[in-house]
Amino acid sequence: MKNGILQYFNKHNQLDELQITQIQLEQDSAKSNHELWNCTLVDYNWSGCPLIEIVTEPTIHDPTNGWLAIKEL
């Protein structure tokens, strides 16, 4: 999806819009940890799990409104 709009009610209970630039589906590979014992540890627990990446325009300036927009999504 590209160039969409999500409407949500902000913290003042007014209808607001979040401009979505792009949504893409990805697949988690693994988590690398380079901080222990001078070696790299790889955690495959989430390997293969689907992830959704949502790219928005910088229109949310309050954490509460960000939470409300994600809740609506």
C-alpha atoms as a PDB file:
ATOM      1  CA  MET A   1       0.000   0.000   0.000  1.00  0.00           C
ATOM      2  CA  LYS A   2       1.232   3.500  -0.752  1.00  0.00           C
ATOM      3  CA  ASN A   3      -0.095   6.978   0.060  1.00  0.00           C
ATOM      4  CA  GLY A   4      -3.001   6.184   2.373  1.00  0.00           C
ATOM      5  CA  ILE A   5      -4.739   7.997   5.211  1.00  0.00           C
ATOM      6  CA  LEU A   6      -5.756   6.611   8.593  1.00  0.00           C
ATOM      7  CA  GLN A   7      -8.438   8.579  10.411  1.00  0.00           C
ATOM      8  CA  TYR A   8      -8.494   8.377  14.202  1.00  0.00           C
ATOM      9  CA  PHE A   9      -9.812  10.341  17.179  1.00  0.00           C
ATOM     10  CA  ASN A  10      -7.002  12.254  18.906  1.00  0.00           C
ATOM     11  CA  LYS A  11      -6.647  12.906  22.648  1.00  0.00           C
ATOM     12  CA  HIS A  12      -9.074  15.848  22.366  1.00  0.00           C
ATOM     13  CA  ASN A  13     -11.649  13.464  20.817  1.00  0.00           C
ATOM     14  CA  GLN A  14     -11.386  15.275  17.466  1.00  0.00           C
ATOM     15  CA  LEU A  15     -11.087  13.437  14.155  1.00  0.00           C
ATOM     16  CA  ASP A  16      -7.470  13.540  12.957  1.00  0.00           C
ATOM     17  CA  GLU A  17      -5.538  11.994  10.067  1.00  0.00           C
ATOM     18  CA  LEU A  18      -2.278  10.110   9.854  1.00  0.00           C
ATOM     19  CA  GLN A  19      -0.686  10.119   6.409  1.00  0.00           C
ATOM     20  CA  ILE A  20       0.679   6.671   5.572  1.00  0.00           C
ATOM     21  CA  THR A  21       3.503   6.734   3.052  1.00  0.00           C
ATOM     22  CA  GLN A  22       3.957   2.995   2.726  1.00  0.00           C
ATOM     23  CA  ILE A  23       3.062  -0.350   4.308  1.00  0.00           C
ATOM     24  CA  GLN A  24       5.131  -3.401   3.530  1.00  0.00           C
ATOM     25  CA  LEU A  25       5.232  -6.976   4.746  1.00  0.00           C
ATOM     26  CA  GLU A  26       8.639  -8.317   5.736  1.00  0.00           C
ATOM     27  CA  GLN A  27      10.018 -11.455   7.306  1.00  0.00           C
ATOM     28  CA  ASP A  28      12.112 -11.409  10.471  1.00  0.00           C
ATOM     29  CA  SER A  29      15.448 -13.116  10.050  1.00  0.00           C
ATOM     30  CA  ALA A  30      17.231 -13.284  13.409  1.00  0.00           C
ATOM     31  CA  LYS A  31      18.586 -11.092  16.177  1.00  0.00           C
ATOM     32  CA  SER A  32      22.346 -10.645  16.513  1.00  0.00           C
ATOM     33  CA  ASN A  33      23.867  -9.843  19.888  1.00  0.00           C
ATOM     34  CA  HIS A  34      27.444  -8.543  19.698  1.00  0.00           C
ATOM     35  CA  GLU A  35      27.868  -7.459  23.327  1.00  0.00           C
ATOM     36  CA  LEU A  36      28.580 -10.702  25.165  1.00  0.00           C
ATOM     37  CA  TRP A  37      31.879 -12.586  25.532  1.00  0.00           C
ATOM     38  CA  ASN A  38      33.583 -10.907  22.550  1.00  0.00           C
ATOM     39  CA  CYS A  39      31.601 -12.996  20.081  1.00  0.00           C
ATOM     40  CA  THR A  40      28.332 -12.792  18.169  1.00  0.00           C
ATOM     41  CA  LEU A  41      25.302 -14.721  19.384  1.00  0.00           C
ATOM     42  CA  VAL A  42      22.360 -15.259  17.011  1.00  0.00           C
ATOM     43  CA  ASP A  43      18.808 -15.686  18.333  1.00  0.00           C
ATOM     44  CA  TYR A  44      16.553 -17.491  15.813  1.00  0.00           C
ATOM     45  CA  ASN A  45      13.422 -17.513  18.022  1.00  0.00           C
ATOM     46  CA  TRP A  46      11.554 -15.047  15.779  1.00  0.00           C
ATOM     47  CA  SER A  47      13.076 -16.251  12.520  1.00  0.00           C
ATOM     48  CA  GLY A  48      10.490 -16.496   9.767  1.00  0.00           C
ATOM     49  CA  CYS A  49       7.823 -14.474  11.615  1.00  0.00           C
ATOM     50  CA  PRO A  50       5.988 -11.916   9.472  1.00  0.00           C
ATOM     51  CA  LEU A  51       6.466  -8.233  10.276  1.00  0.00           C
ATOM     52  CA  ILE A  52       4.515  -5.226   9.064  1.00  0.00           C
ATOM     53  CA  GLU A  53       6.483  -2.036   8.553  1.00  0.00           C
ATOM     54  CA  ILE A  54       4.394   1.147   8.457  1.00  0.00           C
ATOM     55  CA  VAL A  55       6.055   4.343   7.228  1.00  0.00           C
ATOM     56  CA  THR A  56       4.156   7.555   8.025  1.00  0.00           C
ATOM     57  CA  GLU A  57       4.664  11.262   7.549  1.00  0.00           C
ATOM     58  CA  PRO A  58       5.839  13.084  10.718  1.00  0.00           C
ATOM     59  CA  THR A  59       2.403  14.413  11.662  1.00  0.00           C
ATOM     60  CA  ILE A  60       2.047  12.977  15.182  1.00  0.00           C
ATOM     61  CA  HIS A  61       3.741  15.128  17.810  1.00  0.00           C
ATOM     62  CA  ASP A  62       2.233  13.608  20.946  1.00  0.00           C
ATOM     63  CA  PRO A  63       2.779  10.032  22.228  1.00  0.00           C
ATOM     64  CA  THR A  64      -0.868   9.712  23.240  1.00  0.00           C
ATOM     65  CA  ASN A  65      -2.024  10.523  19.712  1.00  0.00           C
ATOM     66  CA  GLY A  66       0.486   8.011  18.340  1.00  0.00           C
ATOM     67  CA  TRP A  67      -0.947   5.332  20.599  1.00  0.00           C
ATOM     68  CA  LEU A  68      -4.523   6.244  19.579  1.00  0.00           C
ATOM     69  CA  ALA A  69      -3.626   6.064  15.876  1.00  0.00           C
ATOM     70  CA  ILE A  70      -2.023   2.623  16.271  1.00  0.00           C
ATOM     71  CA  LYS A  71      -4.982   1.462  18.339  1.00  0.00           C
ATOM     72  CA  GLU A  72      -7.310   2.506  15.492  1.00  0.00           C
ATOM     73  CA  LEU A  73      -5.124   0.707  12.977  1.00  0.00           C
END
